[in-house]
PDB file of N, CA and C in Angstrom:
ATOM      1  N   MET A   1      18.250  20.416 -15.098  1.00  0.00           N
ATOM      2  CA  MET A   1      16.936  19.620 -14.004  1.00  0.00           C
ATOM      3  C   MET A   1      16.779  18.305 -14.712  1.00  0.00           C
ATOM      4  N   ALA A   2      16.862  17.415 -13.656  1.00  0.00           N
ATOM      5  CA  ALA A   2      16.305  15.778 -14.231  1.00  0.00           C
ATOM      6  C   ALA A   2      15.058  15.698 -14.778  1.00  0.00           C
ATOM      7  N   GLY A   3      14.963  15.019 -15.851  1.00  0.00           N
ATOM      8  CA  GLY A   3      13.330  15.116 -15.922  1.00  0.00           C
ATOM      9  C   GLY A   3      12.566  13.811 -15.767  1.00  0.00           C
ATOM     10  N   LYS A   4      11.458  13.711 -15.823  1.00  0.00           N
ATOM     11  CA  LYS A   4      10.604  12.324 -15.514  1.00  0.00           C
ATOM     12  C   LYS A   4      11.791  11.442 -16.222  1.00  0.00           C
ATOM     13  N   GLY A   5      11.402  10.468 -15.319  1.00  0.00           N
ATOM     14  CA  GLY A   5      12.120   9.270 -15.488  1.00  0.00           C
ATOM     15  C   GLY A   5      13.540   9.252 -16.061  1.00  0.00           C
ATOM     16  N   SER A   6      14.200  10.125 -14.923  1.00  0.00           N
ATOM     17  CA  SER A   6      15.907  10.112 -14.866  1.00  0.00           C
ATOM     18  C   SER A   6      16.312   8.876 -14.095  1.00  0.00           C
ATOM     19  N   LEU A   7      15.268   8.465 -13.029  1.00  0.00           N
ATOM     20  CA  LEU A   7      16.450   7.690 -12.171  1.00  0.00           C
ATOM     21  C   LEU A   7      16.335   6.421 -13.364  1.00  0.00           C
ATOM     22  N   ALA A   8      15.003   5.877 -13.752  1.00  0.00           N
ATOM     23  CA  ALA A   8      16.039   4.993 -14.988  1.00  0.00           C
ATOM     24  C   ALA A   8      17.003   4.819 -16.092  1.00  0.00           C
ATOM     25  N   LYS A   9      17.873   5.904 -16.121  1.00  0.00           N
ATOM     26  CA  LYS A   9      19.119   6.192 -17.011  1.00  0.00           C
ATOM     27  C   LYS A   9      20.067   6.362 -16.216  1.00  0.00           C
ATOM     28  N   LEU A  10      19.412   5.811 -14.765  1.00  0.00           N
ATOM     29  CA  LEU A  10      21.457   5.790 -14.222  1.00  0.00           C
ATOM     30  C   LEU A  10      22.289   5.377 -14.144  1.00  0.00           C
ATOM     31  N   ASP A  11      22.820   4.775 -14.343  1.00  0.00           N
ATOM     32  CA  ASP A  11      24.603   4.226 -14.074  1.00  0.00           C
ATOM     33  C   ASP A  11      24.689   3.726 -12.857  1.00  0.00           C
ATOM     34  N   VAL A  12      24.000   2.729 -13.016  1.00  0.00           N
ATOM     35  CA  VAL A  12      25.224   1.567 -12.356  1.00  0.00           C
ATOM     36  C   VAL A  12      26.222   0.964 -12.057  1.00  0.00           C
ATOM     37  N   GLY A  13      27.351   1.183 -12.977  1.00  0.00           N
ATOM     38  CA  GLY A  13      28.154   0.831 -13.514  1.00  0.00           C
ATOM     39  C   GLY A  13      29.180   2.186 -11.835  1.00  0.00           C
ATOM     40  N   VAL A  14      28.413   3.255 -11.842  1.00  0.00           N
ATOM     41  CA  VAL A  14      29.482   3.721 -11.064  1.00  0.00           C
ATOM     42  C   VAL A  14      29.388   3.649  -9.468  1.00  0.00           C
ATOM     43  N   LEU A  15      29.044   2.700  -9.276  1.00  0.00           N
ATOM     44  CA  LEU A  15      28.754   2.072  -7.927  1.00  0.00           C
ATOM     45  C   LEU A  15      29.988   1.802  -7.628  1.00  0.00           C
ATOM     46  N   SER A  16      30.152   1.727  -6.572  1.00  0.00           N
ATOM     47  CA  SER A  16      31.718   0.660  -6.430  1.00  0.00           C
ATOM     48  C   SER A  16      30.716  -0.769  -5.897  1.00  0.00           C
ATOM     49  N   ALA A  17      31.614  -2.152  -6.226  1.00  0.00           N
ATOM     50  CA  ALA A  17      31.024  -3.324  -5.431  1.00  0.00           C
ATOM     51  C   ALA A  17      30.062  -3.101  -5.091  1.00  0.00           C
ATOM     52  N   GLU A  18      30.969  -2.597  -3.542  1.00  0.00           N
ATOM     53  CA  GLU A  18      29.823  -2.917  -2.475  1.00  0.00           C
ATOM     54  C   GLU A  18      28.685  -2.453  -2.221  1.00  0.00           C
ATOM     55  N   GLN A  19      28.893  -0.830  -2.417  1.00  0.00           N
ATOM     56  CA  GLN A  19      27.714  -0.899  -3.217  1.00  0.00           C
ATOM     57  C   GLN A  19      26.217  -0.785  -3.982  1.00  0.00           C
ATOM     58  N   GLN A  20      26.685  -1.917  -4.558  1.00  0.00           N
ATOM     59  CA  GLN A  20      26.120  -2.411  -5.331  1.00  0.00           C
ATOM     60  C   GLN A  20      25.415  -3.604  -4.929  1.00  0.00           C
ATOM     61  N   GLU A  21      26.155  -4.048  -3.970  1.00  0.00           N
ATOM     62  CA  GLU A  21      25.775  -5.263  -3.221  1.00  0.00           C
ATOM     63  C   GLU A  21      24.555  -4.718  -2.162  1.00  0.00           C
ATOM     64  N   LYS A  22      24.850  -3.615  -1.061  1.00  0.00           N
ATOM     65  CA  LYS A  22      24.070  -2.992  -0.305  1.00  0.00           C
ATOM     66  C   LYS A  22      22.618  -3.126  -1.455  1.00  0.00           C
ATOM     67  N   LEU A  23      22.908  -1.721  -2.440  1.00  0.00           N
ATOM     68  CA  LEU A  23      21.779  -1.540  -2.971  1.00  0.00           C
ATOM     69  C   LEU A  23      20.832  -2.798  -3.811  1.00  0.00           C
ATOM     70  N   GLN A  24      21.621  -3.785  -4.320  1.00  0.00           N
ATOM     71  CA  GLN A  24      20.563  -4.660  -4.407  1.00  0.00           C
ATOM     72  C   GLN A  24      20.111  -5.616  -3.212  1.00  0.00           C
ATOM     73  N   GLN A  25      20.719  -5.549  -2.112  1.00  0.00           N
ATOM     74  CA  GLN A  25      19.760  -6.361  -0.822  1.00  0.00           C
ATOM     75  C   GLN A  25      19.024  -5.791  -0.297  1.00  0.00           C
ATOM     76  N   PHE A  26      19.079  -3.893  -0.405  1.00  0.00           N
ATOM     77  CA  PHE A  26      17.489  -3.091  -0.028  1.00  0.00           C
ATOM     78  C   PHE A  26      16.353  -3.427  -0.760  1.00  0.00           C
ATOM     79  N   LYS A  27      17.131  -3.804  -2.254  1.00  0.00           N
ATOM     80  CA  LYS A  27      16.231  -3.346  -3.055  1.00  0.00           C
ATOM     81  C   LYS A  27      15.175  -5.217  -3.040  1.00  0.00           C
ATOM     82  N   ILE A  28      15.905  -6.243  -2.640  1.00  0.00           N
ATOM     83  CA  ILE A  28      15.246  -7.486  -2.095  1.00  0.00           C
ATOM     84  C   ILE A  28      14.558  -7.442  -0.980  1.00  0.00           C
ATOM     85  N   LYS A  29      15.541  -6.684   0.430  1.00  0.00           N
ATOM     86  CA  LYS A  29      14.901  -6.689   1.587  1.00  0.00           C
ATOM     87  C   LYS A  29      13.727  -5.513   1.540  1.00  0.00           C
ATOM     88  N   THR A  30      13.380  -4.844   0.356  1.00  0.00           N
ATOM     89  CA  THR A  30      11.843  -3.716   0.047  1.00  0.00           C
ATOM     90  C   THR A  30      11.143  -4.412  -0.764  1.00  0.00           C
ATOM     91  N   ARG A  31      11.170  -5.602  -1.171  1.00  0.00           N
ATOM     92  CA  ARG A  31      10.118  -6.214  -2.124  1.00  0.00           C
ATOM     93  C   ARG A  31       9.461  -7.103  -1.257  1.00  0.00           C
ATOM     94  N   ILE A  32      10.331  -7.896  -0.328  1.00  0.00           N
ATOM     95  CA  ILE A  32      10.402  -9.678   0.639  1.00  0.00           C
ATOM     96  C   ILE A  32       9.233  -7.775   1.967  1.00  0.00           C
ATOM     97  N   ASP A  33       9.376  -7.403   2.228  1.00  0.00           N
ATOM     98  CA  ASP A  33       8.678  -6.386   2.774  1.00  0.00           C
ATOM     99  C   ASP A  33       7.401  -6.122   2.772  1.00  0.00           C
ATOM    100  N   ASN A  34       7.610  -5.416   1.028  1.00  0.00           N
ATOM    101  CA  ASN A  34       6.403  -5.257   0.728  1.00  0.00           C
ATOM    102  C   ASN A  34       5.354  -5.927  -0.019  1.00  0.00           C
ATOM    103  N   GLU A  35       5.877  -7.106   0.017  1.00  0.00           N
ATOM    104  CA  GLU A  35       4.845  -8.714   0.020  1.00  0.00           C
ATOM    105  C   GLU A  35       4.460  -9.282   1.216  1.00  0.00           C
ATOM    106  N   ASN A  36       5.271  -9.014   1.998  1.00  0.00           N
ATOM    107  CA  ASN A  36       4.661  -9.064   3.673  1.00  0.00           C
ATOM    108  C   ASN A  36       3.262  -8.851   3.446  1.00  0.00           C
ATOM    109  N   TYR A  37       3.674  -6.910   3.651  1.00  0.00           N
ATOM    110  CA  TYR A  37       2.843  -5.822   3.952  1.00  0.00           C
ATOM    111  C   TYR A  37       1.496  -6.606   3.219  1.00  0.00           C
ATOM    112  N   LEU A  38       1.519  -6.803   1.873  1.00  0.00           N
ATOM    113  CA  LEU A  38       0.158  -6.639   1.023  1.00  0.00           C
ATOM    114  C   LEU A  38      -0.124  -8.222   0.969  1.00  0.00           C
ATOM    115  N   ARG A  39       0.171  -9.559   1.513  1.00  0.00           N
ATOM    116  CA  ARG A  39      -0.466 -10.426   2.193  1.00  0.00           C
ATOM    117  C   ARG A  39      -0.655 -10.699   3.298  1.00  0.00           C
ATOM    118  N   SER A  40      -0.586  -9.573   4.407  1.00  0.00           N
ATOM    119  CA  SER A  40      -1.006  -9.672   5.754  1.00  0.00           C
ATOM    120  C   SER A  40      -1.969  -8.533   5.652  1.00  0.00           C
ATOM    121  N   HIS A  41      -2.451  -7.807   4.301  1.00  0.00           N
ATOM    122  CA  HIS A  41      -3.456  -6.598   4.748  1.00  0.00           C
ATOM    123  C   HIS A  41      -4.513  -6.844   3.093  1.00  0.00           C
ATOM    124  N   PRO A  42      -4.690  -8.215   2.418  1.00  0.00           N
ATOM    125  CA  PRO A  42      -5.774  -8.305   1.273  1.00  0.00           C
ATOM    126  C   PRO A  42      -6.782  -7.530   0.988  1.00  0.00           C
ATOM    127  N   GLU A  43      -7.164  -6.380   1.923  1.00  0.00           N
ATOM    128  CA  GLU A  43      -8.292  -5.412   1.435  1.00  0.00           C
ATOM    129  C   GLU A  43      -7.389  -4.418   0.436  1.00  0.00           C
ATOM    130  N   VAL A  44      -6.110  -4.074   0.543  1.00  0.00           N
ATOM    131  CA  VAL A  44      -5.178  -3.727  -0.359  1.00  0.00           C
ATOM    132  C   VAL A  44      -5.491  -3.753  -2.030  1.00  0.00           C
ATOM    133  N   GLU A  45      -5.400  -5.288  -2.096  1.00  0.00           N
ATOM    134  CA  GLU A  45      -5.881  -5.609  -3.318  1.00  0.00           C
ATOM    135  C   GLU A  45      -7.535  -5.567  -3.608  1.00  0.00           C
ATOM    136  N   VAL A  46      -7.942  -5.584  -2.787  1.00  0.00           N
ATOM    137  CA  VAL A  46      -9.285  -5.368  -3.037  1.00  0.00           C
ATOM    138  C   VAL A  46      -9.951  -4.500  -3.544  1.00  0.00           C
ATOM    139  N   LEU A  47      -9.133  -2.917  -2.805  1.00  0.00           N
ATOM    140  CA  LEU A  47      -9.823  -2.074  -2.769  1.00  0.00           C
ATOM    141  C   LEU A  47      -8.923  -1.513  -4.359  1.00  0.00           C
ATOM    142  N   ILE A  48      -8.208  -1.262  -4.794  1.00  0.00           N
ATOM    143  CA  ILE A  48      -7.208  -1.344  -5.851  1.00  0.00           C
ATOM    144  C   ILE A  48      -8.313  -1.813  -7.221  1.00  0.00           C
ATOM    145  N   GLY A  49      -8.571  -3.077  -7.229  1.00  0.00           N
ATOM    146  CA  GLY A  49      -8.967  -3.686  -8.042  1.00  0.00           C
ATOM    147  C   GLY A  49     -10.546  -3.189  -8.258  1.00  0.00           C
ATOM    148  N   ASP A  50     -10.966  -2.596  -7.366  1.00  0.00           N
ATOM    149  CA  ASP A  50     -12.043  -2.087  -7.017  1.00  0.00           C
ATOM    150  C   ASP A  50     -12.343  -0.487  -8.170  1.00  0.00           C
ATOM    151  N   PHE A  51     -11.213   0.078  -7.097  1.00  0.00           N
ATOM    152  CA  PHE A  51     -11.127   1.376  -8.034  1.00  0.00           C
ATOM    153  C   PHE A  51     -10.900   1.393  -9.448  1.00  0.00           C
ATOM    154  N   LEU A  52      -9.772   0.600  -9.948  1.00  0.00           N
ATOM    155  CA  LEU A  52      -9.309   0.057 -11.516  1.00  0.00           C
ATOM    156  C   LEU A  52     -11.034  -0.684 -12.757  1.00  0.00           C
ATOM    157  N   ARG A  53     -11.328  -1.162 -11.393  1.00  0.00           N
ATOM    158  CA  ARG A  53     -12.590  -1.703 -12.419  1.00  0.00           C
ATOM    159  C   ARG A  53     -13.610  -0.697 -12.732  1.00  0.00           C
ATOM    160  N   ASP A  54     -14.087   0.273 -11.208  1.00  0.00           N
ATOM    161  CA  ASP A  54     -14.674   1.330 -11.959  1.00  0.00           C
ATOM    162  C   ASP A  54     -14.538   2.544 -12.721  1.00  0.00           C
ATOM    163  N   VAL A  55     -12.902   2.395 -12.634  1.00  0.00           N
ATOM    164  CA  VAL A  55     -12.269   3.404 -13.860  1.00  0.00           C
ATOM    165  C   VAL A  55     -12.428   2.986 -15.074  1.00  0.00           C
ATOM    166  N   LEU A  56     -12.614   1.504 -15.105  1.00  0.00           N
ATOM    167  CA  LEU A  56     -12.205   0.844 -16.566  1.00  0.00           C
ATOM    168  C   LEU A  56     -14.219   1.126 -16.709  1.00  0.00           C
ATOM    169  N   LEU A  57     -14.825   0.852 -16.348  1.00  0.00           N
ATOM    170  CA  LEU A  57     -16.694   0.676 -16.454  1.00  0.00           C
ATOM    171  C   LEU A  57     -16.896   2.321 -16.419  1.00  0.00           C
ATOM    172  N   LYS A  58     -16.761   3.213 -15.983  1.00  0.00           N
ATOM    173  CA  LYS A  58     -16.911   4.923 -16.110  1.00  0.00           C
ATOM    174  C   LYS A  58     -16.334   5.709 -17.635  1.00  0.00           C
ATOM    175  N   MET A  59     -14.669   5.157 -16.625  1.00  0.00           N
ATOM    176  CA  MET A  59     -14.397   6.133 -18.214  1.00  0.00           C
ATOM    177  C   MET A  59     -14.057   7.699 -17.616  1.00  0.00           C
ATOM    178  N   PRO A  60     -14.019   7.820 -16.435  1.00  0.00           N
ATOM    179  CA  PRO A  60     -13.987   9.308 -16.174  1.00  0.00           C
ATOM    180  C   PRO A  60     -13.585  10.405 -16.800  1.00  0.00           C
ATOM    181  N   ALA A  61     -13.809  11.424 -17.611  1.00  0.00           N
ATOM    182  CA  ALA A  61     -12.781  12.658 -17.940  1.00  0.00           C
ATOM    183  C   ALA A  61     -11.961  12.864 -17.403  1.00  0.00           C
ATOM    184  N   ASP A  62     -12.107  13.193 -16.208  1.00  0.00           N
ATOM    185  CA  ASP A  62     -11.172  13.804 -14.978  1.00  0.00           C
ATOM    186  C   ASP A  62     -10.630  12.789 -14.008  1.00  0.00           C
ATOM    187  N   ILE A  63      -9.547  12.167 -14.157  1.00  0.00           N
ATOM    188  CA  ILE A  63      -9.763  10.861 -13.256  1.00  0.00           C
ATOM    189  C   ILE A  63      -8.636  11.238 -12.171  1.00  0.00           C
ATOM    190  N   ARG A  64      -8.723  12.484 -12.003  1.00  0.00           N
ATOM    191  CA  ARG A  64      -8.494  12.898 -10.688  1.00  0.00           C
ATOM    192  C   ARG A  64      -9.084  13.286  -9.582  1.00  0.00           C
ATOM    193  N   GLU A  65     -10.154  13.894 -10.611  1.00  0.00           N
ATOM    194  CA  GLU A  65     -11.581  14.009  -9.154  1.00  0.00           C
ATOM    195  C   GLU A  65     -12.568  12.985  -9.214  1.00  0.00           C
ATOM    196  N   PHE A  66     -11.716  11.988 -10.358  1.00  0.00           N
ATOM    197  CA  PHE A  66     -12.662  10.712  -9.916  1.00  0.00           C
ATOM    198  C   PHE A  66     -11.971   9.676  -8.629  1.00  0.00           C
ATOM    199  N   ALA A  67     -10.790   9.888  -8.990  1.00  0.00           N
ATOM    200  CA  ALA A  67      -9.819   9.336  -7.384  1.00  0.00           C
ATOM    201  C   ALA A  67     -10.539   9.610  -6.451  1.00  0.00           C
ATOM    202  N   ALA A  68     -10.082  10.969  -6.491  1.00  0.00           N
ATOM    203  CA  ALA A  68     -10.748  11.596  -4.991  1.00  0.00           C
ATOM    204  C   ALA A  68     -12.052  11.286  -4.443  1.00  0.00           C
ATOM    205  N   ASP A  69     -12.686  11.623  -5.396  1.00  0.00           N
ATOM    206  CA  ASP A  69     -14.583  11.175  -4.860  1.00  0.00           C
ATOM    207  C   ASP A  69     -14.042   9.731  -4.445  1.00  0.00           C
ATOM    208  N   TYR A  70     -14.061   8.763  -5.236  1.00  0.00           N
ATOM    209  CA  TYR A  70     -13.698   7.509  -4.652  1.00  0.00           C
ATOM    210  C   TYR A  70     -13.475   7.382  -3.562  1.00  0.00           C
ATOM    211  N   PHE A  71     -11.910   7.780  -3.205  1.00  0.00           N
ATOM    212  CA  PHE A  71     -10.814   7.401  -1.951  1.00  0.00           C
ATOM    213  C   PHE A  71     -11.388   8.352  -0.803  1.00  0.00           C
ATOM    214  N   THR A  72     -12.194   9.344  -0.884  1.00  0.00           N
ATOM    215  CA  THR A  72     -12.784  10.194   0.168  1.00  0.00           C
ATOM    216  C   THR A  72     -14.264   9.636   0.504  1.00  0.00           C
ATOM    217  N   ASN A  73     -14.946   8.693  -0.095  1.00  0.00           N
ATOM    218  CA  ASN A  73     -16.370   7.892   0.039  1.00  0.00           C
ATOM    219  C   ASN A  73     -16.663   7.723   1.260  1.00  0.00           C
ATOM    220  N   PRO A  74     -17.023   8.369   2.097  1.00  0.00           N
ATOM    221  CA  PRO A  74     -17.634   7.695   3.634  1.00  0.00           C
ATOM    222  C   PRO A  74     -17.439   6.119   3.687  1.00  0.00           C
ATOM    223  N   ASN A  75     -18.321   5.863   2.664  1.00  0.00           N
ATOM    224  CA  ASN A  75     -19.324   4.685   3.222  1.00  0.00           C
ATOM    225  C   ASN A  75     -18.016   3.524   2.568  1.00  0.00           C
ATOM    226  N   LEU A  76     -16.465   3.898   1.840  1.00  0.00           N
ATOM    227  CA  LEU A  76     -15.537   3.460   1.018  1.00  0.00           C
ATOM    228  C   LEU A  76     -15.176   2.120   2.061  1.00  0.00           C
ATOM    229  N   HIS A  77     -15.441   2.259   3.169  1.00  0.00           N
ATOM    230  CA  HIS A  77     -14.593   1.354   4.817  1.00  0.00           C
ATOM    231  C   HIS A  77     -15.154  -0.097   4.530  1.00  0.00           C
ATOM    232  N   ALA A  78     -16.956   0.426   4.607  1.00  0.00           N
ATOM    233  CA  ALA A  78     -17.789  -0.883   4.305  1.00  0.00           C
ATOM    234  C   ALA A  78     -17.782  -1.230   3.092  1.00  0.00           C
ATOM    235  N   VAL A  79     -17.844  -0.864   1.915  1.00  0.00           N
ATOM    236  CA  VAL A  79     -18.140  -1.212   0.460  1.00  0.00           C
ATOM    237  C   VAL A  79     -16.933  -2.587  -0.028  1.00  0.00           C
ATOM    238  N   ILE A  80     -15.728  -1.784   1.150  1.00  0.00           N
ATOM    239  CA  ILE A  80     -14.512  -2.859   0.866  1.00  0.00           C
ATOM    240  C   ILE A  80     -14.785  -4.317   1.545  1.00  0.00           C
ATOM    241  N   GLY A  81     -15.361  -3.749   2.734  1.00  0.00           N
ATOM    242  CA  GLY A  81     -15.484  -4.773   3.867  1.00  0.00           C
ATOM    243  C   GLY A  81     -16.321  -5.816   3.094  1.00  0.00           C
ATOM    244  N   SER A  82     -17.875  -5.456   2.496  1.00  0.00           N
ATOM    245  CA  SER A  82     -18.466  -6.311   1.817  1.00  0.00           C
ATOM    246  C   SER A  82     -17.623  -6.897   0.975  1.00  0.00           C
ATOM    247  N   LYS A  83     -17.044  -6.296   0.240  1.00  0.00           N
ATOM    248  CA  LYS A  83     -16.612  -6.869  -0.756  1.00  0.00           C
ATOM    249  C   LYS A  83     -15.885  -8.442  -0.343  1.00  0.00           C
ATOM    250  N   MET A  84     -15.174  -8.073   0.339  1.00  0.00           N
ATOM    251  CA  MET A  84     -13.685  -9.149   1.273  1.00  0.00           C
ATOM    252  C   MET A  84     -14.814  -9.906   1.540  1.00  0.00           C
ATOM    253  N   GLU A  85     -15.781  -9.826   2.026  1.00  0.00           N
ATOM    254  CA  GLU A  85     -16.668 -10.924   3.139  1.00  0.00           C
ATOM    255  C   GLU A  85     -16.982 -11.911   1.672  1.00  0.00           C
ATOM    256  N   GLY A  86     -17.478 -11.324   0.830  1.00  0.00           N
ATOM    257  CA  GLY A  86     -17.957 -11.977  -0.570  1.00  0.00           C
ATOM    258  C   GLY A  86     -16.792 -12.339  -1.563  1.00  0.00           C
ATOM    259  N   ASN A  87     -15.301 -12.502  -1.451  1.00  0.00           N
ATOM    260  CA  ASN A  87     -14.502 -12.926  -1.312  1.00  0.00           C
ATOM    261  C   ASN A  87     -14.018 -14.654  -0.759  1.00  0.00           C
ATOM    262  N   MET A  88     -14.799 -14.222   0.621  1.00  0.00           N
ATOM    263  CA  MET A  88     -14.383 -15.500   1.528  1.00  0.00           C
ATOM    264  C   MET A  88     -15.196 -16.446   1.692  1.00  0.00           C
ATOM    265  N   LYS A  89     -16.561 -16.569   0.842  1.00  0.00           N
ATOM    266  CA  LYS A  89     -17.589 -17.544   0.309  1.00  0.00           C
ATOM    267  C   LYS A  89     -16.770 -18.398  -0.320  1.00  0.00           C
TER     268      LYS A  89
END
């Protein structure tokens, strides 16, 4: 059974030149698509930044419970919206 991080140990040398080129093009397209998505959704950066800030300030013992509480907060939309408005000023 493959362990964690086994993907990092894959030998791309076993791929044919054509497969390597397709893989490279796929990676490039994925990065471009991800960048375009993040540029069109600046709230993602605010959301992640606010979450990390809270984690580092509060240093919760149970990060999973903290994350669940953070992301299920019924006021999260309003909180992030107000921070985005603050960033635009």
